[in-house]
Amino acid sequence: MTQKSLKLRGIQGRVFSLMRSLNMTEDELSKVMGISRTTLRRRLSGLSRFRPEELEAFAHLAGTSSKWFHEVA
């Protein structure tokens, strides 16, 4: 998945932008969330939804609330 090919909105976009701002790789984020990299890619592409516990784990690492992922920009 390249940055050029991504035009993400909503939760997927927020997860992706936070991952990049923290200089994390997909592999690192998938480990934090407790999912495979393939599953993370499916979630980022919108083929499946992030589970609350996955967002909570990432939010905890980032020092924010999981509610941030659901806020409208």
PDB file of N, CA and C in Angstrom:
ATOM      1  N   MET A   1       0.838  -1.168   0.000  1.00  0.00           N
ATOM      2  CA  MET A   1       0.000   0.000   0.000  1.00  0.00           C
ATOM      3  C   MET A   1       0.889   1.239   0.000  1.00  0.00           C
ATOM      4  N   THR A   2       0.745   2.052  -0.988  1.00  0.00           N
ATOM      5  CA  THR A   2       1.569   3.248  -1.052  1.00  0.00           C
ATOM      6  C   THR A   2       0.765   4.453  -0.634  1.00  0.00           C
ATOM      7  N   GLN A   3       1.470   5.463  -0.188  1.00  0.00           N
ATOM      8  CA  GLN A   3       0.812   6.677   0.251  1.00  0.00           C
ATOM      9  C   GLN A   3       0.054   7.327  -0.907  1.00  0.00           C
ATOM     10  N   LYS A   4       0.594   7.254  -2.102  1.00  0.00           N
ATOM     11  CA  LYS A   4      -0.042   7.861  -3.265  1.00  0.00           C
ATOM     12  C   LYS A   4      -1.381   7.203  -3.571  1.00  0.00           C
ATOM     13  N   SER A   5      -1.490   5.893  -3.336  1.00  0.00           N
ATOM     14  CA  SER A   5      -2.713   5.188  -3.683  1.00  0.00           C
ATOM     15  C   SER A   5      -3.786   5.322  -2.610  1.00  0.00           C
ATOM     16  N   LEU A   6      -3.439   5.916  -1.495  1.00  0.00           N
ATOM     17  CA  LEU A   6      -4.396   6.021  -0.399  1.00  0.00           C
ATOM     18  C   LEU A   6      -5.103   7.367  -0.388  1.00  0.00           C
ATOM     19  N   LYS A   7      -6.394   7.310  -0.359  1.00  0.00           N
ATOM     20  CA  LYS A   7      -7.184   8.503  -0.144  1.00  0.00           C
ATOM     21  C   LYS A   7      -8.251   8.072   0.853  1.00  0.00           C
ATOM     22  N   LEU A   8      -7.856   8.000   2.080  1.00  0.00           N
ATOM     23  CA  LEU A   8      -8.693   7.419   3.114  1.00  0.00           C
ATOM     24  C   LEU A   8      -9.465   8.473   3.871  1.00  0.00           C
ATOM     25  N   ARG A   9     -10.629   8.084   4.306  1.00  0.00           N
ATOM     26  CA  ARG A   9     -11.466   8.952   5.113  1.00  0.00           C
ATOM     27  C   ARG A   9     -11.855   8.229   6.376  1.00  0.00           C
ATOM     28  N   GLY A  10     -12.416   8.975   7.274  1.00  0.00           N
ATOM     29  CA  GLY A  10     -12.966   8.384   8.480  1.00  0.00           C
ATOM     30  C   GLY A  10     -11.914   7.706   9.339  1.00  0.00           C
ATOM     31  N   ILE A  11     -12.338   6.605   9.934  1.00  0.00           N
ATOM     32  CA  ILE A  11     -11.470   5.882  10.863  1.00  0.00           C
ATOM     33  C   ILE A  11     -10.214   5.391  10.155  1.00  0.00           C
ATOM     34  N   GLN A  12     -10.356   4.837   8.959  1.00  0.00           N
ATOM     35  CA  GLN A  12      -9.186   4.335   8.234  1.00  0.00           C
ATOM     36  C   GLN A  12      -8.170   5.438   8.007  1.00  0.00           C
ATOM     37  N   GLY A  13      -8.635   6.600   7.601  1.00  0.00           N
ATOM     38  CA  GLY A  13      -7.735   7.722   7.369  1.00  0.00           C
ATOM     39  C   GLY A  13      -7.045   8.190   8.633  1.00  0.00           C
ATOM     40  N   ARG A  14      -7.788   8.198   9.730  1.00  0.00           N
ATOM     41  CA  ARG A  14      -7.191   8.627  11.001  1.00  0.00           C
ATOM     42  C   ARG A  14      -6.146   7.623  11.486  1.00  0.00           C
ATOM     43  N   VAL A  15      -6.456   6.336  11.355  1.00  0.00           N
ATOM     44  CA  VAL A  15      -5.484   5.309  11.747  1.00  0.00           C
ATOM     45  C   VAL A  15      -4.226   5.448  10.905  1.00  0.00           C
ATOM     46  N   PHE A  16      -4.401   5.579   9.590  1.00  0.00           N
ATOM     47  CA  PHE A  16      -3.251   5.681   8.699  1.00  0.00           C
ATOM     48  C   PHE A  16      -2.418   6.920   8.998  1.00  0.00           C
ATOM     49  N   SER A  17      -3.070   8.072   9.162  1.00  0.00           N
ATOM     50  CA  SER A  17      -2.314   9.306   9.390  1.00  0.00           C
ATOM     51  C   SER A  17      -1.602   9.283  10.740  1.00  0.00           C
ATOM     52  N   LEU A  18      -2.232   8.703  11.754  1.00  0.00           N
ATOM     53  CA  LEU A  18      -1.569   8.609  13.054  1.00  0.00           C
ATOM     54  C   LEU A  18      -0.392   7.638  12.992  1.00  0.00           C
ATOM     55  N   MET A  19      -0.573   6.537  12.285  1.00  0.00           N
ATOM     56  CA  MET A  19       0.517   5.577  12.107  1.00  0.00           C
ATOM     57  C   MET A  19       1.722   6.268  11.463  1.00  0.00           C
ATOM     58  N   ARG A  20       1.465   7.046  10.414  1.00  0.00           N
ATOM     59  CA  ARG A  20       2.551   7.744   9.724  1.00  0.00           C
ATOM     60  C   ARG A  20       3.171   8.831  10.604  1.00  0.00           C
ATOM     61  N   SER A  21       2.349   9.564  11.339  1.00  0.00           N
ATOM     62  CA  SER A  21       2.894  10.635  12.178  1.00  0.00           C
ATOM     63  C   SER A  21       3.756  10.081  13.309  1.00  0.00           C
ATOM     64  N   LEU A  22       3.502   8.841  13.703  1.00  0.00           N
ATOM     65  CA  LEU A  22       4.318   8.187  14.727  1.00  0.00           C
ATOM     66  C   LEU A  22       5.475   7.404  14.112  1.00  0.00           C
ATOM     67  N   ASN A  23       5.642   7.532  12.793  1.00  0.00           N
ATOM     68  CA  ASN A  23       6.697   6.822  12.055  1.00  0.00           C
ATOM     69  C   ASN A  23       6.651   5.314  12.291  1.00  0.00           C
ATOM     70  N   MET A  24       5.439   4.782  12.302  1.00  0.00           N
ATOM     71  CA  MET A  24       5.255   3.346  12.498  1.00  0.00           C
ATOM     72  C   MET A  24       5.077   2.661  11.153  1.00  0.00           C
ATOM     73  N   THR A  25       5.504   1.428  11.096  1.00  0.00           N
ATOM     74  CA  THR A  25       5.262   0.605   9.918  1.00  0.00           C
ATOM     75  C   THR A  25       3.949  -0.156  10.114  1.00  0.00           C
ATOM     76  N   GLU A  26       3.439  -0.719   9.035  1.00  0.00           N
ATOM     77  CA  GLU A  26       2.241  -1.548   9.141  1.00  0.00           C
ATOM     78  C   GLU A  26       2.512  -2.749  10.036  1.00  0.00           C
ATOM     79  N   ASP A  27       3.703  -3.285   9.962  1.00  0.00           N
ATOM     80  CA  ASP A  27       4.063  -4.432  10.792  1.00  0.00           C
ATOM     81  C   ASP A  27       4.014  -4.060  12.273  1.00  0.00           C
ATOM     82  N   GLU A  28       4.565  -2.909  12.618  1.00  0.00           N
ATOM     83  CA  GLU A  28       4.554  -2.463  14.015  1.00  0.00           C
ATOM     84  C   GLU A  28       3.129  -2.223  14.504  1.00  0.00           C
ATOM     85  N   LEU A  29       2.320  -1.562  13.685  1.00  0.00           N
ATOM     86  CA  LEU A  29       0.953  -1.276  14.094  1.00  0.00           C
ATOM     87  C   LEU A  29       0.134  -2.553  14.226  1.00  0.00           C
ATOM     88  N   SER A  30       0.323  -3.476  13.316  1.00  0.00           N
ATOM     89  CA  SER A  30      -0.438  -4.723  13.413  1.00  0.00           C
ATOM     90  C   SER A  30      -0.101  -5.462  14.708  1.00  0.00           C
ATOM     91  N   LYS A  31       1.141  -5.414  15.136  1.00  0.00           N
ATOM     92  CA  LYS A  31       1.527  -6.046  16.407  1.00  0.00           C
ATOM     93  C   LYS A  31       0.875  -5.345  17.588  1.00  0.00           C
ATOM     94  N   VAL A  32       0.836  -4.014  17.552  1.00  0.00           N
ATOM     95  CA  VAL A  32       0.186  -3.249  18.625  1.00  0.00           C
ATOM     96  C   VAL A  32      -1.289  -3.617  18.720  1.00  0.00           C
ATOM     97  N   MET A  33      -1.918  -3.762  17.563  1.00  0.00           N
ATOM     98  CA  MET A  33      -3.351  -4.064  17.529  1.00  0.00           C
ATOM     99  C   MET A  33      -3.661  -5.540  17.748  1.00  0.00           C
ATOM    100  N   GLY A  34      -2.639  -6.378  17.666  1.00  0.00           N
ATOM    101  CA  GLY A  34      -2.847  -7.811  17.862  1.00  0.00           C
ATOM    102  C   GLY A  34      -3.495  -8.494  16.670  1.00  0.00           C
ATOM    103  N   ILE A  35      -3.197  -7.983  15.469  1.00  0.00           N
ATOM    104  CA  ILE A  35      -3.738  -8.558  14.240  1.00  0.00           C
ATOM    105  C   ILE A  35      -2.605  -8.768  13.246  1.00  0.00           C
ATOM    106  N   SER A  36      -2.877  -9.527  12.204  1.00  0.00           N
ATOM    107  CA  SER A  36      -1.851  -9.729  11.174  1.00  0.00           C
ATOM    108  C   SER A  36      -1.743  -8.490  10.299  1.00  0.00           C
ATOM    109  N   ARG A  37      -0.641  -8.386   9.582  1.00  0.00           N
ATOM    110  CA  ARG A  37      -0.461  -7.260   8.667  1.00  0.00           C
ATOM    111  C   ARG A  37      -1.501  -7.321   7.548  1.00  0.00           C
ATOM    112  N   THR A  38      -1.846  -8.524   7.120  1.00  0.00           N
ATOM    113  CA  THR A  38      -2.884  -8.688   6.096  1.00  0.00           C
ATOM    114  C   THR A  38      -4.220  -8.152   6.593  1.00  0.00           C
ATOM    115  N   THR A  39      -4.559  -8.467   7.832  1.00  0.00           N
ATOM    116  CA  THR A  39      -5.802  -7.966   8.418  1.00  0.00           C
ATOM    117  C   THR A  39      -5.760  -6.448   8.534  1.00  0.00           C
ATOM    118  N   LEU A  40      -4.626  -5.895   8.943  1.00  0.00           N
ATOM    119  CA  LEU A  40      -4.498  -4.443   9.025  1.00  0.00           C
ATOM    120  C   LEU A  40      -4.735  -3.815   7.655  1.00  0.00           C
ATOM    121  N   ARG A  41      -4.165  -4.381   6.631  1.00  0.00           N
ATOM    122  CA  ARG A  41      -4.351  -3.839   5.279  1.00  0.00           C
ATOM    123  C   ARG A  41      -5.818  -3.916   4.852  1.00  0.00           C
ATOM    124  N   ARG A  42      -6.501  -4.994   5.223  1.00  0.00           N
ATOM    125  CA  ARG A  42      -7.929  -5.109   4.920  1.00  0.00           C
ATOM    126  C   ARG A  42      -8.717  -4.030   5.658  1.00  0.00           C
ATOM    127  N   ARG A  43      -8.341  -3.763   6.895  1.00  0.00           N
ATOM    128  CA  ARG A  43      -9.025  -2.735   7.672  1.00  0.00           C
ATOM    129  C   ARG A  43      -8.756  -1.342   7.076  1.00  0.00           C
ATOM    130  N   LEU A  44      -7.510  -1.072   6.722  1.00  0.00           N
ATOM    131  CA  LEU A  44      -7.167   0.233   6.148  1.00  0.00           C
ATOM    132  C   LEU A  44      -7.836   0.462   4.791  1.00  0.00           C
ATOM    133  N   SER A  45      -8.037  -0.592   4.043  1.00  0.00           N
ATOM    134  CA  SER A  45      -8.666  -0.454   2.729  1.00  0.00           C
ATOM    135  C   SER A  45     -10.187  -0.385   2.818  1.00  0.00           C
ATOM    136  N   GLY A  46     -10.730  -0.630   4.000  1.00  0.00           N
ATOM    137  CA  GLY A  46     -12.177  -0.566   4.180  1.00  0.00           C
ATOM    138  C   GLY A  46     -12.892  -1.872   3.912  1.00  0.00           C
ATOM    139  N   LEU A  47     -12.153  -2.946   3.650  1.00  0.00           N
ATOM    140  CA  LEU A  47     -12.772  -4.242   3.406  1.00  0.00           C
ATOM    141  C   LEU A  47     -13.336  -4.865   4.679  1.00  0.00           C
ATOM    142  N   SER A  48     -12.810  -4.453   5.814  1.00  0.00           N
ATOM    143  CA  SER A  48     -13.347  -4.882   7.106  1.00  0.00           C
ATOM    144  C   SER A  48     -13.155  -3.744   8.100  1.00  0.00           C
ATOM    145  N   ARG A  49     -13.899  -3.793   9.168  1.00  0.00           N
ATOM    146  CA  ARG A  49     -13.873  -2.709  10.152  1.00  0.00           C
ATOM    147  C   ARG A  49     -12.877  -2.989  11.272  1.00  0.00           C
ATOM    148  N   PHE A  50     -12.330  -1.906  11.802  1.00  0.00           N
ATOM    149  CA  PHE A  50     -11.489  -2.032  12.992  1.00  0.00           C
ATOM    150  C   PHE A  50     -12.378  -2.398  14.166  1.00  0.00           C
ATOM    151  N   ARG A  51     -11.889  -3.275  15.014  1.00  0.00           N
ATOM    152  CA  ARG A  51     -12.612  -3.639  16.233  1.00  0.00           C
ATOM    153  C   ARG A  51     -12.254  -2.635  17.320  1.00  0.00           C
ATOM    154  N   PRO A  52     -13.176  -2.418  18.251  1.00  0.00           N
ATOM    155  CA  PRO A  52     -12.921  -1.446  19.323  1.00  0.00           C
ATOM    156  C   PRO A  52     -11.623  -1.715  20.087  1.00  0.00           C
ATOM    157  N   GLU A  53     -11.316  -2.968  20.351  1.00  0.00           N
ATOM    158  CA  GLU A  53     -10.103  -3.282  21.110  1.00  0.00           C
ATOM    159  C   GLU A  53      -8.829  -2.975  20.325  1.00  0.00           C
ATOM    160  N   GLU A  54      -8.893  -3.047  19.006  1.00  0.00           N
ATOM    161  CA  GLU A  54      -7.738  -2.691  18.173  1.00  0.00           C
ATOM    162  C   GLU A  54      -7.488  -1.190  18.230  1.00  0.00           C
ATOM    163  N   LEU A  55      -8.556  -0.416  18.103  1.00  0.00           N
ATOM    164  CA  LEU A  55      -8.421   1.040  18.183  1.00  0.00           C
ATOM    165  C   LEU A  55      -7.983   1.466  19.575  1.00  0.00           C
ATOM    166  N   GLU A  56      -8.485   0.797  20.598  1.00  0.00           N
ATOM    167  CA  GLU A  56      -8.111   1.125  21.974  1.00  0.00           C
ATOM    168  C   GLU A  56      -6.618   0.885  22.199  1.00  0.00           C
ATOM    169  N   ALA A  57      -6.100  -0.211  21.687  1.00  0.00           N
ATOM    170  CA  ALA A  57      -4.672  -0.519  21.845  1.00  0.00           C
ATOM    171  C   ALA A  57      -3.809   0.543  21.166  1.00  0.00           C
ATOM    172  N   PHE A  58      -4.205   0.958  19.974  1.00  0.00           N
ATOM    173  CA  PHE A  58      -3.452   1.978  19.248  1.00  0.00           C
ATOM    174  C   PHE A  58      -3.568   3.326  19.945  1.00  0.00           C
ATOM    175  N   ALA A  59      -4.753   3.667  20.387  1.00  0.00           N
ATOM    176  CA  ALA A  59      -4.964   4.934  21.096  1.00  0.00           C
ATOM    177  C   ALA A  59      -4.118   4.992  22.356  1.00  0.00           C
ATOM    178  N   HIS A  60      -4.054   3.886  23.075  1.00  0.00           N
ATOM    179  CA  HIS A  60      -3.247   3.840  24.301  1.00  0.00           C
ATOM    180  C   HIS A  60      -1.777   4.121  23.983  1.00  0.00           C
ATOM    181  N   LEU A  61      -1.263   3.472  22.952  1.00  0.00           N
ATOM    182  CA  LEU A  61       0.126   3.689  22.548  1.00  0.00           C
ATOM    183  C   LEU A  61       0.358   5.142  22.151  1.00  0.00           C
ATOM    184  N   ALA A  62      -0.612   5.735  21.457  1.00  0.00           N
ATOM    185  CA  ALA A  62      -0.469   7.104  20.944  1.00  0.00           C
ATOM    186  C   ALA A  62      -0.776   8.165  21.994  1.00  0.00           C
ATOM    187  N   GLY A  63      -1.290   7.750  23.140  1.00  0.00           N
ATOM    188  CA  GLY A  63      -1.600   8.708  24.196  1.00  0.00           C
ATOM    189  C   GLY A  63      -2.860   9.510  23.922  1.00  0.00           C
ATOM    190  N   THR A  64      -3.823   8.879  23.267  1.00  0.00           N
ATOM    191  CA  THR A  64      -5.086   9.545  22.974  1.00  0.00           C
ATOM    192  C   THR A  64      -6.238   8.618  23.334  1.00  0.00           C
ATOM    193  N   SER A  65      -7.432   9.075  23.119  1.00  0.00           N
ATOM    194  CA  SER A  65      -8.622   8.274  23.376  1.00  0.00           C
ATOM    195  C   SER A  65      -9.043   7.585  22.089  1.00  0.00           C
ATOM    196  N   SER A  66      -9.589   6.402  22.202  1.00  0.00           N
ATOM    197  CA  SER A  66     -10.086   5.713  21.004  1.00  0.00           C
ATOM    198  C   SER A  66     -11.254   6.479  20.381  1.00  0.00           C
ATOM    199  N   LYS A  67     -11.883   7.350  21.128  1.00  0.00           N
ATOM    200  CA  LYS A  67     -12.980   8.162  20.595  1.00  0.00           C
ATOM    201  C   LYS A  67     -12.470   9.119  19.512  1.00  0.00           C
ATOM    202  N   TRP A  68     -11.190   9.469  19.582  1.00  0.00           N
ATOM    203  CA  TRP A  68     -10.595  10.363  18.576  1.00  0.00           C
ATOM    204  C   TRP A  68     -10.759   9.810  17.166  1.00  0.00           C
ATOM    205  N   PHE A  69     -10.705   8.498  17.014  1.00  0.00           N
ATOM    206  CA  PHE A  69     -10.825   7.895  15.693  1.00  0.00           C
ATOM    207  C   PHE A  69     -12.197   8.116  15.075  1.00  0.00           C
ATOM    208  N   HIS A  70     -13.201   8.361  15.917  1.00  0.00           N
ATOM    209  CA  HIS A  70     -14.578   8.497  15.454  1.00  0.00           C
ATOM    210  C   HIS A  70     -15.001   9.950  15.279  1.00  0.00           C
ATOM    211  N   GLU A  71     -14.171  10.896  15.701  1.00  0.00           N
ATOM    212  CA  GLU A  71     -14.527  12.306  15.599  1.00  0.00           C
ATOM    213  C   GLU A  71     -14.540  12.761  14.145  1.00  0.00           C
ATOM    214  N   VAL A  72     -15.452  13.654  13.853  1.00  0.00           N
ATOM    215  CA  VAL A  72     -15.541  14.235  12.514  1.00  0.00           C
ATOM    216  C   VAL A  72     -14.598  15.413  12.442  1.00  0.00           C
ATOM    217  N   ALA A  73     -13.768  15.440  11.406  1.00  0.00           N
ATOM    218  CA  ALA A  73     -12.790  16.521  11.263  1.00  0.00           C
ATOM    219  C   ALA A  73     -13.459  17.794  10.806  1.00  0.00           C
TER     220      ALA A  73
END
